[in-house]
Amino acid sequence: MSSLLEIQRDFRRAILAGDTTALAAFIEVEGIAAAERIEIHRNNARMSLSAALAETFPVVCRLVDARFFAFAAHEFICGLPPDTPCVAGYGARFADFLADFPPCRELVYLADVARLEWVLQRAGAAADGTPLDPASLGGLAAADAERLTFRFQPSFGYLCSPWPIIEIWRANQSEVTARAPVNLESGGALLEVRRRDGVVEFRELAPATFAFRAALDGGTALGDAIEAVAGVEGEFDVNAECAALFIEGAIAGFNLVGSA
């Protein structure tokens, strides 16, 4: 007798991978074969996941049209099914999938538009965090400052693209009926995304500021983040930049590299 957990695993394999052999043994045949019953559930699951992706990536869907999006979503679901029970969180790897998906090869900007939509989705669903009081760093020795790492608020995210993804995103909102084509040679984007007062927003950052914040958000220690900015174009005042992070409530916590 299989345990409940084993049956649940068999069901997952049947729905997501099409391996119905084990699950079919538990299904009573009453006019409809076991494989056909499972296929009904498989179709419903694929439709639900495809709808969730379309809701998360509406601009991508508009760019490629609904039929092609459904095809791409189907291929993505078959190759990279969910690994968590939360459907709303499904799609973290969709942009990387599109970047390598042969039918999208000529749409060089599409994956970055998907990355933007995913960062916006993540920001909207992120938990609220309490901003760190800068006084918490008062006892830190000056010599240890370069070993500082910061934990950003969950809604913050950073995205760099060589394509004008903001213009593409804005030109393909549902309420827009007619816009001039976006010039792909008009420049890229260095974006910070966050949620403020319940509203998800993004802004473009200067190259040095973006490099600094993105490095810190990625877990780079303060000293290394400052060095990473050294070769970036534009003025950079590390004291002002650090102060701005606290003023804007971006920092939720800190640690010291090498400490327990």
Protein backbone atom coordinates (compact mmCIF):
# COMPACT_ATOMS: atom_id res chain seq x y z
CA MET A 1 0.00 0.00 0.00
CA SER A 2 1.47 3.33 -1.04
CA SER A 3 1.58 6.16 1.46
CA LEU A 4 -0.26 9.45 0.90
CA LEU A 5 3.05 11.16 0.12
CA GLU A 6 3.90 8.53 -2.50
CA ILE A 7 0.48 8.91 -4.12
CA GLN A 8 0.92 12.69 -4.16
CA ARG A 9 4.30 12.26 -5.86
CA ASP A 10 2.76 9.89 -8.40
CA PHE A 11 0.06 12.46 -9.08
CA ARG A 12 2.65 15.21 -9.59
CA ARG A 13 4.62 13.04 -12.03
CA ALA A 14 1.45 12.23 -13.93
CA ILE A 15 0.28 15.84 -14.18
CA LEU A 16 3.59 17.56 -14.83
CA ALA A 17 5.66 14.88 -16.54
CA GLY A 18 3.02 12.69 -18.16
CA ASP A 19 4.18 9.55 -16.32
CA THR A 20 0.79 7.99 -15.55
CA THR A 21 1.84 4.39 -14.89
CA ALA A 22 1.89 4.48 -11.07
CA LEU A 23 -1.12 6.76 -10.62
CA ALA A 24 -3.34 4.82 -13.02
CA ALA A 25 -3.32 1.87 -10.61
CA PHE A 26 -5.32 3.90 -8.07
CA ILE A 27 -8.02 5.07 -10.50
CA GLU A 28 -11.26 3.14 -10.90
CA VAL A 29 -12.31 2.86 -14.53
CA GLU A 30 -15.99 3.79 -14.90
CA GLY A 31 -16.54 4.46 -18.57
CA ILE A 32 -13.43 6.64 -18.95
CA ALA A 33 -9.97 5.09 -19.05
CA ALA A 34 -7.51 6.09 -16.31
CA ALA A 35 -5.15 7.74 -18.77
CA GLU A 36 -8.00 9.86 -20.17
CA ARG A 37 -9.04 10.94 -16.66
CA ILE A 38 -5.48 11.97 -15.87
CA GLU A 39 -5.21 13.85 -19.16
CA ILE A 40 -8.22 15.99 -18.15
CA HIS A 41 -6.35 17.03 -15.01
CA ARG A 42 -3.18 17.59 -17.04
CA ASN A 43 -4.96 19.91 -19.45
CA ASN A 44 -6.55 21.85 -16.59
CA ALA A 45 -3.19 22.21 -14.87
CA ARG A 46 -1.47 23.42 -18.04
CA MET A 47 -4.26 25.90 -18.72
CA SER A 48 -4.06 27.26 -15.16
CA LEU A 49 -0.28 27.64 -15.33
CA SER A 50 -0.45 29.24 -18.78
CA ALA A 51 -3.06 31.71 -17.52
CA ALA A 52 -0.86 32.54 -14.53
CA LEU A 53 2.08 33.24 -16.84
CA ALA A 54 -0.06 35.45 -19.08
CA GLU A 55 -1.17 37.42 -16.02
CA THR A 56 2.42 37.90 -14.86
CA PHE A 57 3.80 38.71 -18.33
CA PRO A 58 1.03 40.69 -20.11
CA VAL A 59 3.43 42.85 -22.13
CA VAL A 60 5.34 39.82 -23.38
CA CYS A 61 2.00 38.30 -24.36
CA ARG A 62 1.03 41.47 -26.23
CA LEU A 63 4.39 41.59 -28.01
CA VAL A 64 4.18 38.06 -29.39
CA ASP A 65 0.35 37.71 -29.51
CA ALA A 66 -1.74 35.35 -27.40
CA ARG A 67 -1.39 32.27 -29.63
CA PHE A 68 2.40 32.35 -29.71
CA PHE A 69 2.50 33.09 -25.99
CA ALA A 70 0.34 30.02 -25.32
CA PHE A 71 2.77 27.93 -27.38
CA ALA A 72 5.81 29.32 -25.53
CA ALA A 73 4.09 28.88 -22.17
CA HIS A 74 3.28 25.25 -23.01
CA GLU A 75 6.91 24.52 -23.86
CA PHE A 76 8.07 26.27 -20.69
CA ILE A 77 5.62 24.37 -18.50
CA CYS A 78 6.63 21.02 -20.01
CA GLY A 79 10.33 21.70 -19.57
CA LEU A 80 10.28 23.66 -16.31
CA PRO A 81 7.18 22.77 -14.29
CA PRO A 82 6.52 24.42 -10.91
CA ASP A 83 8.67 23.34 -7.99
CA THR A 84 6.55 25.12 -5.35
CA PRO A 85 2.80 24.97 -4.62
CA CYS A 86 2.30 28.73 -5.14
CA VAL A 87 1.10 29.34 -8.71
CA ALA A 88 1.43 33.13 -8.26
CA GLY A 89 5.17 32.67 -7.83
CA TYR A 90 5.59 30.64 -11.01
CA GLY A 91 7.65 32.20 -13.78
CA ALA A 92 10.99 33.11 -12.22
CA ARG A 93 12.82 31.27 -15.03
CA PHE A 94 10.53 32.32 -17.87
CA ALA A 95 12.76 35.17 -19.05
CA ASP A 96 15.80 32.88 -19.26
CA PHE A 97 13.66 30.35 -21.13
CA LEU A 98 12.64 33.00 -23.68
CA ALA A 99 16.27 34.06 -24.12
CA ASP A 100 17.12 30.53 -25.26
CA PHE A 101 13.85 29.72 -27.04
CA PRO A 102 14.71 29.42 -30.78
CA PRO A 103 11.42 30.91 -32.10
CA CYS A 104 12.16 34.09 -30.10
CA ARG A 105 15.74 34.45 -31.28
CA GLU A 106 15.06 37.55 -33.39
CA LEU A 107 13.17 39.32 -30.58
CA VAL A 108 16.39 40.24 -28.82
CA TYR A 109 14.67 42.49 -26.27
CA LEU A 110 11.90 40.06 -25.28
CA ALA A 111 13.72 38.30 -22.43
CA ASP A 112 14.58 41.61 -20.77
CA VAL A 113 10.98 42.79 -21.03
CA ALA A 114 10.04 39.54 -19.29
CA ARG A 115 12.69 40.20 -16.64
CA LEU A 116 11.17 43.63 -16.03
CA GLU A 117 7.69 42.17 -15.66
CA TRP A 118 8.98 39.50 -13.27
CA VAL A 119 10.76 42.08 -11.08
CA LEU A 120 7.56 44.14 -11.01
CA GLN A 121 5.56 41.05 -10.07
CA ARG A 122 8.03 40.13 -7.33
CA ALA A 123 7.97 43.66 -5.94
CA GLY A 124 4.20 43.65 -5.74
CA ALA A 125 4.08 40.32 -3.91
CA ALA A 126 7.04 40.91 -1.58
CA ALA A 127 6.55 41.04 2.16
CA ASP A 128 6.80 44.39 3.92
CA GLY A 129 10.00 44.90 5.86
CA THR A 130 11.00 47.32 8.59
CA PRO A 131 13.67 49.81 7.47
CA LEU A 132 16.90 49.51 9.40
CA ASP A 133 17.65 52.35 11.80
CA PRO A 134 21.10 53.70 10.80
CA ALA A 135 21.82 54.04 14.53
CA SER A 136 22.17 50.24 14.49
CA LEU A 137 25.57 50.76 12.87
CA GLY A 138 26.72 53.10 15.62
CA GLY A 139 28.82 50.50 17.40
CA LEU A 140 30.60 49.34 14.28
CA ALA A 141 34.35 49.95 14.17
CA ALA A 142 35.46 52.11 11.24
CA ALA A 143 37.91 49.40 10.18
CA ASP A 144 35.01 46.96 9.76
CA ALA A 145 32.93 49.19 7.48
CA GLU A 146 34.27 47.68 4.27
CA ARG A 147 33.12 44.23 5.44
CA LEU A 148 29.50 45.36 5.73
CA THR A 149 26.88 43.58 3.66
CA PHE A 150 23.32 44.87 3.49
CA ARG A 151 20.01 43.07 3.21
CA PHE A 152 17.64 45.11 1.06
CA GLN A 153 13.90 45.34 1.50
CA PRO A 154 12.21 42.37 -0.23
CA SER A 155 10.48 44.54 -2.83
CA PHE A 156 13.71 46.08 -4.17
CA GLY A 157 15.16 44.77 -7.41
CA TYR A 158 17.67 45.93 -10.03
CA LEU A 159 17.68 45.33 -13.76
CA CYS A 160 20.19 46.26 -16.44
CA SER A 161 19.29 45.99 -20.13
CA PRO A 162 20.89 47.21 -23.36
CA TRP A 163 17.39 47.70 -24.78
CA PRO A 164 14.83 50.48 -24.15
CA ILE A 165 12.59 48.15 -22.14
CA ILE A 166 10.82 50.98 -20.32
CA GLU A 167 9.62 52.47 -23.61
CA ILE A 168 8.63 49.01 -24.86
CA TRP A 169 6.75 48.28 -21.64
CA ARG A 170 4.94 51.63 -21.69
CA ALA A 171 4.03 51.28 -25.36
CA ASN A 172 2.33 47.96 -24.72
CA GLN A 173 0.04 48.65 -21.78
CA SER A 174 -3.53 47.49 -22.19
CA GLU A 175 -4.96 51.00 -22.17
CA VAL A 176 -2.67 52.16 -24.98
CA THR A 177 -4.33 51.88 -28.37
CA ALA A 178 -1.71 53.39 -30.67
CA ARG A 179 1.90 54.35 -30.12
CA ALA A 180 4.82 54.99 -32.44
CA PRO A 181 7.24 52.05 -32.78
CA VAL A 182 10.03 52.03 -30.21
CA ASN A 183 13.50 52.71 -31.56
CA LEU A 184 15.63 49.82 -30.32
CA GLU A 185 18.74 51.96 -30.79
CA SER A 186 17.50 54.63 -28.37
CA GLY A 187 19.48 53.28 -25.42
CA GLY A 188 19.26 50.80 -22.58
CA ALA A 189 18.00 50.96 -19.02
CA LEU A 190 19.45 50.81 -15.51
CA LEU A 191 16.43 50.31 -13.29
CA GLU A 192 15.57 50.14 -9.63
CA VAL A 193 12.17 48.62 -8.81
CA ARG A 194 10.48 48.88 -5.42
CA ARG A 195 7.12 49.10 -3.72
CA ARG A 196 6.34 52.34 -1.91
CA ASP A 197 3.11 52.89 0.04
CA GLY A 198 1.60 49.85 -1.64
CA VAL A 199 2.45 50.99 -5.16
CA VAL A 200 5.12 49.31 -7.30
CA GLU A 201 7.33 51.85 -9.03
CA PHE A 202 10.57 51.95 -10.95
CA ARG A 203 13.12 54.60 -11.79
CA GLU A 204 16.25 54.86 -13.87
CA LEU A 205 19.53 55.30 -12.00
CA ALA A 206 22.83 56.89 -12.95
CA PRO A 207 25.41 54.22 -13.95
CA ALA A 208 27.53 54.58 -10.80
CA THR A 209 24.53 54.55 -8.47
CA PHE A 210 23.10 51.51 -10.23
CA ALA A 211 26.39 49.62 -10.07
CA PHE A 212 26.74 50.39 -6.35
CA ARG A 213 23.20 49.47 -5.37
CA ALA A 214 23.00 46.38 -7.55
CA ALA A 215 26.28 45.12 -6.10
CA LEU A 216 25.09 45.65 -2.53
CA ASP A 217 21.72 44.07 -3.28
CA GLY A 218 23.58 41.05 -4.63
CA GLY A 219 25.40 40.57 -1.33
CA THR A 220 28.69 42.28 -2.22
CA ALA A 221 30.53 43.76 0.74
CA LEU A 222 30.66 47.54 0.95
CA GLY A 223 34.39 47.78 0.22
CA ASP A 224 34.09 45.61 -2.88
CA ALA A 225 30.99 47.50 -4.06
CA ILE A 226 32.92 50.77 -3.85
CA GLU A 227 35.76 49.26 -5.89
CA ALA A 228 33.26 48.01 -8.47
CA VAL A 229 32.10 51.58 -9.04
CA ALA A 230 35.63 52.93 -9.56
CA GLY A 231 35.59 52.39 -13.32
CA VAL A 232 31.98 53.45 -13.88
CA GLU A 233 31.22 56.71 -15.62
CA GLY A 234 29.88 59.61 -13.52
CA GLU A 235 30.44 61.22 -10.14
CA PHE A 236 30.06 59.07 -7.06
CA ASP A 237 29.92 60.10 -3.40
CA VAL A 238 29.87 56.97 -1.28
CA ASN A 239 28.75 58.77 1.88
CA ALA A 240 25.83 60.41 0.09
CA GLU A 241 24.89 57.15 -1.62
CA CYS A 242 24.89 55.21 1.65
CA ALA A 243 22.86 57.93 3.36
CA ALA A 244 20.32 57.85 0.51
CA LEU A 245 19.79 54.11 0.97
CA PHE A 246 18.78 54.66 4.59
CA ILE A 247 16.71 57.77 3.86
CA GLU A 248 14.77 55.83 1.22
CA GLY A 249 14.24 52.90 3.60
CA ALA A 250 15.98 50.47 1.27
CA ILE A 251 17.98 48.64 3.93
CA ALA A 252 16.37 45.99 6.13
CA GLY A 253 19.44 44.52 7.82
CA PHE A 254 23.19 44.10 7.76
CA ASN A 255 25.97 41.65 8.46
CA LEU A 256 29.75 41.54 8.47
CA VAL A 257 31.60 39.30 6.03
CA GLY A 258 33.43 36.68 8.03
CA SER A 259 31.29 37.05 11.15
CA ALA A 260 29.12 34.28 12.55
